[in-house]
PDB file of N, CA and C in Angstrom:
ATOM      1  N   UNK A   1     -20.630  45.979  -1.599  1.00  0.00           N
ATOM      2  CA  UNK A   1     -20.317  44.596  -1.230  1.00  0.00           C
ATOM      3  C   UNK A   1     -18.951  44.231  -1.793  1.00  0.00           C
ATOM      4  N   UNK A   2     -18.059  43.876  -0.930  1.00  0.00           N
ATOM      5  CA  UNK A   2     -16.721  43.507  -1.349  1.00  0.00           C
ATOM      6  C   UNK A   2     -16.650  41.996  -1.555  1.00  0.00           C
ATOM      7  N   UNK A   3     -15.931  41.614  -2.561  1.00  0.00           N
ATOM      8  CA  UNK A   3     -15.771  40.198  -2.877  1.00  0.00           C
ATOM      9  C   UNK A   3     -14.312  39.842  -2.643  1.00  0.00           C
ATOM     10  N   UNK A   4     -14.099  38.710  -2.000  1.00  0.00           N
ATOM     11  CA  UNK A   4     -12.715  38.298  -1.750  1.00  0.00           C
ATOM     12  C   UNK A   4     -12.052  37.884  -3.055  1.00  0.00           C
ATOM     13  N   UNK A   5     -10.749  37.883  -3.035  1.00  0.00           N
ATOM     14  CA  UNK A   5      -9.993  37.498  -4.230  1.00  0.00           C
ATOM     15  C   UNK A   5     -10.329  36.075  -4.646  1.00  0.00           C
ATOM     16  N   UNK A   6     -10.492  35.191  -3.681  1.00  0.00           N
ATOM     17  CA  UNK A   6     -10.830  33.797  -3.994  1.00  0.00           C
ATOM     18  C   UNK A   6     -12.187  33.706  -4.689  1.00  0.00           C
ATOM     19  N   UNK A   7     -13.167  34.452  -4.183  1.00  0.00           N
ATOM     20  CA  UNK A   7     -14.489  34.450  -4.807  1.00  0.00           C
ATOM     21  C   UNK A   7     -14.426  35.042  -6.214  1.00  0.00           C
ATOM     22  N   UNK A   8     -13.667  36.100  -6.337  1.00  0.00           N
ATOM     23  CA  UNK A   8     -13.498  36.736  -7.649  1.00  0.00           C
ATOM     24  C   UNK A   8     -12.858  35.767  -8.638  1.00  0.00           C
ATOM     25  N   UNK A   9     -11.802  35.101  -8.200  1.00  0.00           N
ATOM     26  CA  UNK A   9     -11.122  34.147  -9.077  1.00  0.00           C
ATOM     27  C   UNK A   9     -12.047  32.995  -9.451  1.00  0.00           C
ATOM     28  N   UNK A  10     -12.853  32.545  -8.489  1.00  0.00           N
ATOM     29  CA  UNK A  10     -13.781  31.454  -8.756  1.00  0.00           C
ATOM     30  C   UNK A  10     -14.844  31.889  -9.776  1.00  0.00           C
ATOM     31  N   UNK A  11     -15.406  33.076  -9.581  1.00  0.00           N
ATOM     32  CA  UNK A  11     -16.399  33.584 -10.517  1.00  0.00           C
ATOM     33  C   UNK A  11     -15.785  33.794 -11.894  1.00  0.00           C
ATOM     34  N   UNK A  12     -14.562  34.299 -11.919  1.00  0.00           N
ATOM     35  CA  UNK A  12     -13.870  34.522 -13.187  1.00  0.00           C
ATOM     36  C   UNK A  12     -13.637  33.202 -13.910  1.00  0.00           C
ATOM     37  N   UNK A  13     -13.253  32.177 -13.180  1.00  0.00           N
ATOM     38  CA  UNK A  13     -13.041  30.858 -13.774  1.00  0.00           C
ATOM     39  C   UNK A  13     -14.337  30.278 -14.311  1.00  0.00           C
ATOM     40  N   UNK A  14     -15.422  30.442 -13.548  1.00  0.00           N
ATOM     41  CA  UNK A  14     -16.732  29.943 -13.979  1.00  0.00           C
ATOM     42  C   UNK A  14     -17.175  30.689 -15.240  1.00  0.00           C
ATOM     43  N   UNK A  15     -17.002  31.996 -15.254  1.00  0.00           N
ATOM     44  CA  UNK A  15     -17.372  32.802 -16.418  1.00  0.00           C
ATOM     45  C   UNK A  15     -16.558  32.368 -17.639  1.00  0.00           C
ATOM     46  N   UNK A  16     -15.293  32.109 -17.422  1.00  0.00           N
ATOM     47  CA  UNK A  16     -14.426  31.686 -18.521  1.00  0.00           C
ATOM     48  C   UNK A  16     -14.877  30.345 -19.101  1.00  0.00           C
ATOM     49  N   UNK A  17     -15.251  29.419 -18.245  1.00  0.00           N
ATOM     50  CA  UNK A  17     -15.735  28.114 -18.702  1.00  0.00           C
ATOM     51  C   UNK A  17     -17.038  28.258 -19.488  1.00  0.00           C
ATOM     52  N   UNK A  18     -17.944  29.095 -18.970  1.00  0.00           N
ATOM     53  CA  UNK A  18     -19.210  29.303 -19.665  1.00  0.00           C
ATOM     54  C   UNK A  18     -18.976  29.972 -21.019  1.00  0.00           C
ATOM     55  N   UNK A  19     -18.029  30.885 -21.062  1.00  0.00           N
ATOM     56  CA  UNK A  19     -17.692  31.568 -22.317  1.00  0.00           C
ATOM     57  C   UNK A  19     -17.170  30.557 -23.339  1.00  0.00           C
ATOM     58  N   UNK A  20     -16.338  29.637 -22.906  1.00  0.00           N
ATOM     59  CA  UNK A  20     -15.816  28.606 -23.809  1.00  0.00           C
ATOM     60  C   UNK A  20     -16.947  27.744 -24.368  1.00  0.00           C
ATOM     61  N   UNK A  21     -17.905  27.371 -23.504  1.00  0.00           N
ATOM     62  CA  UNK A  21     -19.040  26.561 -23.942  1.00  0.00           C
ATOM     63  C   UNK A  21     -19.856  27.307 -24.992  1.00  0.00           C
ATOM     64  N   UNK A  22     -20.081  28.598 -24.758  1.00  0.00           N
ATOM     65  CA  UNK A  22     -20.859  29.399 -25.700  1.00  0.00           C
ATOM     66  C   UNK A  22     -20.140  29.485 -27.042  1.00  0.00           C
ATOM     67  N   UNK A  23     -18.840  29.672 -27.010  1.00  0.00           N
ATOM     68  CA  UNK A  23     -18.065  29.778 -28.251  1.00  0.00           C
ATOM     69  C   UNK A  23     -18.123  28.467 -29.030  1.00  0.00           C
ATOM     70  N   UNK A  24     -17.988  27.343 -28.340  1.00  0.00           N
ATOM     71  CA  UNK A  24     -18.078  26.033 -28.999  1.00  0.00           C
ATOM     72  C   UNK A  24     -19.462  25.857 -29.618  1.00  0.00           C
ATOM     73  N   UNK A  25     -20.500  26.232 -28.872  1.00  0.00           N
ATOM     74  CA  UNK A  25     -21.877  26.118 -29.361  1.00  0.00           C
ATOM     75  C   UNK A  25     -22.082  26.997 -30.590  1.00  0.00           C
ATOM     76  N   UNK A  26     -21.585  28.229 -30.548  1.00  0.00           N
ATOM     77  CA  UNK A  26     -21.729  29.136 -31.683  1.00  0.00           C
ATOM     78  C   UNK A  26     -20.997  28.616 -32.917  1.00  0.00           C
ATOM     79  N   UNK A  27     -19.819  28.052 -32.712  1.00  0.00           N
ATOM     80  CA  UNK A  27     -19.077  27.486 -33.845  1.00  0.00           C
ATOM     81  C   UNK A  27     -19.843  26.322 -34.465  1.00  0.00           C
ATOM     82  N   UNK A  28     -20.465  25.493 -33.626  1.00  0.00           N
ATOM     83  CA  UNK A  28     -21.247  24.363 -34.130  1.00  0.00           C
ATOM     84  C   UNK A  28     -22.471  24.869 -34.896  1.00  0.00           C
ATOM     85  N   UNK A  29     -23.123  25.895 -34.363  1.00  0.00           N
ATOM     86  CA  UNK A  29     -24.265  26.477 -35.063  1.00  0.00           C
ATOM     87  C   UNK A  29     -23.848  27.023 -36.420  1.00  0.00           C
ATOM     88  N   UNK A  30     -22.708  27.694 -36.449  1.00  0.00           N
ATOM     89  CA  UNK A  30     -22.229  28.264 -37.710  1.00  0.00           C
ATOM     90  C   UNK A  30     -21.912  27.160 -38.710  1.00  0.00           C
ATOM     91  N   UNK A  31     -21.270  26.097 -38.263  1.00  0.00           N
ATOM     92  CA  UNK A  31     -20.958  24.969 -39.135  1.00  0.00           C
ATOM     93  C   UNK A  31     -22.248  24.343 -39.674  1.00  0.00           C
ATOM     94  N   UNK A  32     -23.225  24.159 -38.792  1.00  0.00           N
ATOM     95  CA  UNK A  32     -24.513  23.601 -39.228  1.00  0.00           C
ATOM     96  C   UNK A  32     -25.170  24.507 -40.261  1.00  0.00           C
ATOM     97  N   UNK A  33     -25.113  25.811 -40.045  1.00  0.00           N
ATOM     98  CA  UNK A  33     -25.708  26.753 -40.985  1.00  0.00           C
ATOM     99  C   UNK A  33     -25.027  26.670 -42.347  1.00  0.00           C
ATOM    100  N   UNK A  34     -23.704  26.630 -42.358  1.00  0.00           N
ATOM    101  CA  UNK A  34     -22.965  26.562 -43.626  1.00  0.00           C
ATOM    102  C   UNK A  34     -23.305  25.272 -44.360  1.00  0.00           C
ATOM    103  N   UNK A  35     -23.376  24.161 -43.646  1.00  0.00           N
ATOM    104  CA  UNK A  35     -23.738  22.890 -44.270  1.00  0.00           C
ATOM    105  C   UNK A  35     -25.146  22.944 -44.852  1.00  0.00           C
ATOM    106  N   UNK A  36     -26.080  23.510 -44.088  1.00  0.00           N
ATOM    107  CA  UNK A  36     -27.454  23.623 -44.563  1.00  0.00           C
ATOM    108  C   UNK A  36     -27.523  24.544 -45.782  1.00  0.00           C
ATOM    109  N   UNK A  37     -26.787  25.628 -45.754  1.00  0.00           N
ATOM    110  CA  UNK A  37     -26.753  26.566 -46.874  1.00  0.00           C
ATOM    111  C   UNK A  37     -26.253  25.882 -48.145  1.00  0.00           C
ATOM    112  N   UNK A  38     -25.182  25.107 -48.012  1.00  0.00           N
ATOM    113  CA  UNK A  38     -24.628  24.408 -49.183  1.00  0.00           C
ATOM    114  C   UNK A  38     -25.589  23.354 -49.712  1.00  0.00           C
ATOM    115  N   UNK A  39     -26.210  22.599 -48.815  1.00  0.00           N
ATOM    116  CA  UNK A  39     -27.191  21.597 -49.253  1.00  0.00           C
ATOM    117  C   UNK A  39     -28.353  22.274 -49.960  1.00  0.00           C
ATOM    118  N   UNK A  40     -28.771  23.415 -49.437  1.00  0.00           N
ATOM    119  CA  UNK A  40     -29.867  24.158 -50.052  1.00  0.00           C
ATOM    120  C   UNK A  40     -29.482  24.617 -51.458  1.00  0.00           C
ATOM    121  N   UNK A  41     -28.264  25.079 -51.629  1.00  0.00           N
ATOM    122  CA  UNK A  41     -27.797  25.489 -52.957  1.00  0.00           C
ATOM    123  C   UNK A  41     -27.850  24.321 -53.941  1.00  0.00           C
ATOM    124  N   UNK A  42     -27.415  23.144 -53.501  1.00  0.00           N
ATOM    125  CA  UNK A  42     -27.437  21.957 -54.352  1.00  0.00           C
ATOM    126  C   UNK A  42     -28.872  21.603 -54.720  1.00  0.00           C
ATOM    127  N   UNK A  43     -29.757  21.625 -53.728  1.00  0.00           N
ATOM    128  CA  UNK A  43     -31.163  21.300 -53.996  1.00  0.00           C
ATOM    129  C   UNK A  43     -31.802  22.312 -54.937  1.00  0.00           C
ATOM    130  N   UNK A  44     -31.495  23.582 -54.761  1.00  0.00           N
ATOM    131  CA  UNK A  44     -32.043  24.603 -55.659  1.00  0.00           C
ATOM    132  C   UNK A  44     -31.553  24.392 -57.089  1.00  0.00           C
ATOM    133  N   UNK A  45     -30.292  24.019 -57.248  1.00  0.00           N
ATOM    134  CA  UNK A  45     -29.755  23.747 -58.579  1.00  0.00           C
ATOM    135  C   UNK A  45     -30.456  22.529 -59.199  1.00  0.00           C
ATOM    136  N   UNK A  46     -30.701  21.503 -58.389  1.00  0.00           N
ATOM    137  CA  UNK A  46     -31.395  20.321 -58.887  1.00  0.00           C
ATOM    138  C   UNK A  46     -32.820  20.661 -59.312  1.00  0.00           C
ATOM    139  N   UNK A  47     -33.508  21.455 -58.519  1.00  0.00           N
ATOM    140  CA  UNK A  47     -34.879  21.854 -58.861  1.00  0.00           C
ATOM    141  C   UNK A  47     -34.873  22.653 -60.157  1.00  0.00           C
ATOM    142  N   UNK A  48     -33.924  23.556 -60.299  1.00  0.00           N
ATOM    143  CA  UNK A  48     -33.834  24.344 -61.529  1.00  0.00           C
ATOM    144  C   UNK A  48     -33.580  23.447 -62.736  1.00  0.00           C
ATOM    145  N   UNK A  49     -32.687  22.487 -62.585  1.00  0.00           N
ATOM    146  CA  UNK A  49     -32.376  21.570 -63.678  1.00  0.00           C
ATOM    147  C   UNK A  49     -33.595  20.731 -64.044  1.00  0.00           C
ATOM    148  N   UNK A  50     -34.279  20.202 -63.045  1.00  0.00           N
ATOM    149  CA  UNK A  50     -35.477  19.398 -63.310  1.00  0.00           C
ATOM    150  C   UNK A  50     -36.576  20.231 -63.959  1.00  0.00           C
ATOM    151  N   UNK A  51     -36.713  21.468 -63.530  1.00  0.00           N
ATOM    152  CA  UNK A  51     -37.704  22.358 -64.137  1.00  0.00           C
ATOM    153  C   UNK A  51     -37.389  22.579 -65.606  1.00  0.00           C
ATOM    154  N   UNK A  52     -36.122  22.812 -65.913  1.00  0.00           N
ATOM    155  CA  UNK A  52     -35.726  23.003 -67.310  1.00  0.00           C
ATOM    156  C   UNK A  52     -35.981  21.746 -68.133  1.00  0.00           C
ATOM    157  N   UNK A  53     -35.712  20.585 -67.553  1.00  0.00           N
ATOM    158  CA  UNK A  53     -35.957  19.331 -68.264  1.00  0.00           C
ATOM    159  C   UNK A  53     -37.443  19.136 -68.535  1.00  0.00           C
ATOM    160  N   UNK A  54     -38.287  19.457 -67.552  1.00  0.00           N
ATOM    161  CA  UNK A  54     -39.734  19.335 -67.746  1.00  0.00           C
ATOM    162  C   UNK A  54     -40.236  20.306 -68.802  1.00  0.00           C
ATOM    163  N   UNK A  55     -39.744  21.517 -68.752  1.00  0.00           N
ATOM    164  CA  UNK A  55     -40.149  22.513 -69.745  1.00  0.00           C
ATOM    165  C   UNK A  55     -39.718  22.081 -71.146  1.00  0.00           C
ATOM    166  N   UNK A  56     -38.523  21.537 -71.231  1.00  0.00           N
ATOM    167  CA  UNK A  56     -38.020  21.053 -72.516  1.00  0.00           C
ATOM    168  C   UNK A  56     -38.885  19.897 -73.023  1.00  0.00           C
ATOM    169  N   UNK A  57     -39.238  18.984 -72.145  1.00  0.00           N
ATOM    170  CA  UNK A  57     -40.066  17.834 -72.507  1.00  0.00           C
ATOM    171  C   UNK A  57     -41.457  18.303 -72.939  1.00  0.00           C
ATOM    172  N   UNK A  58     -41.995  19.274 -72.224  1.00  0.00           N
ATOM    173  CA  UNK A  58     -43.319  19.796 -72.591  1.00  0.00           C
ATOM    174  C   UNK A  58     -43.290  20.463 -73.966  1.00  0.00           C
ATOM    175  N   UNK A  59     -42.209  21.125 -74.289  1.00  0.00           N
ATOM    176  CA  UNK A  59     -42.091  21.797 -75.598  1.00  0.00           C
ATOM    177  C   UNK A  59     -42.065  20.761 -76.735  1.00  0.00           C
ATOM    178  N   UNK A  60     -41.417  19.615 -76.477  1.00  0.00           N
ATOM    179  CA  UNK A  60     -41.328  18.574 -77.513  1.00  0.00           C
ATOM    180  C   UNK A  60     -42.690  17.906 -77.724  1.00  0.00           C
ATOM    181  N   UNK A  61     -43.484  17.806 -76.674  1.00  0.00           N
ATOM    182  CA  UNK A  61     -44.796  17.162 -76.768  1.00  0.00           C
ATOM    183  C   UNK A  61     -45.755  18.037 -77.571  1.00  0.00           C
ATOM    184  N   UNK A  62     -45.676  19.338 -77.410  1.00  0.00           N
ATOM    185  CA  UNK A  62     -46.614  20.243 -78.094  1.00  0.00           C
ATOM    186  C   UNK A  62     -46.322  20.359 -79.524  1.00  0.00           C
TER     187      UNK A  62
END
């Protein structure tokens, strides 16, 4: 099946547009992941700090 140059150019343009959308979506996903990762690190540090404070408080009570 032969495709005319116009059809080829049209398909190529459509593919290019879809590729751009995918790249934008992937970049947004990556940004969201990095933000979530950083928030998780902060929360883990807070949990560790609170755990240490509770352990310290429990030691003083005993």
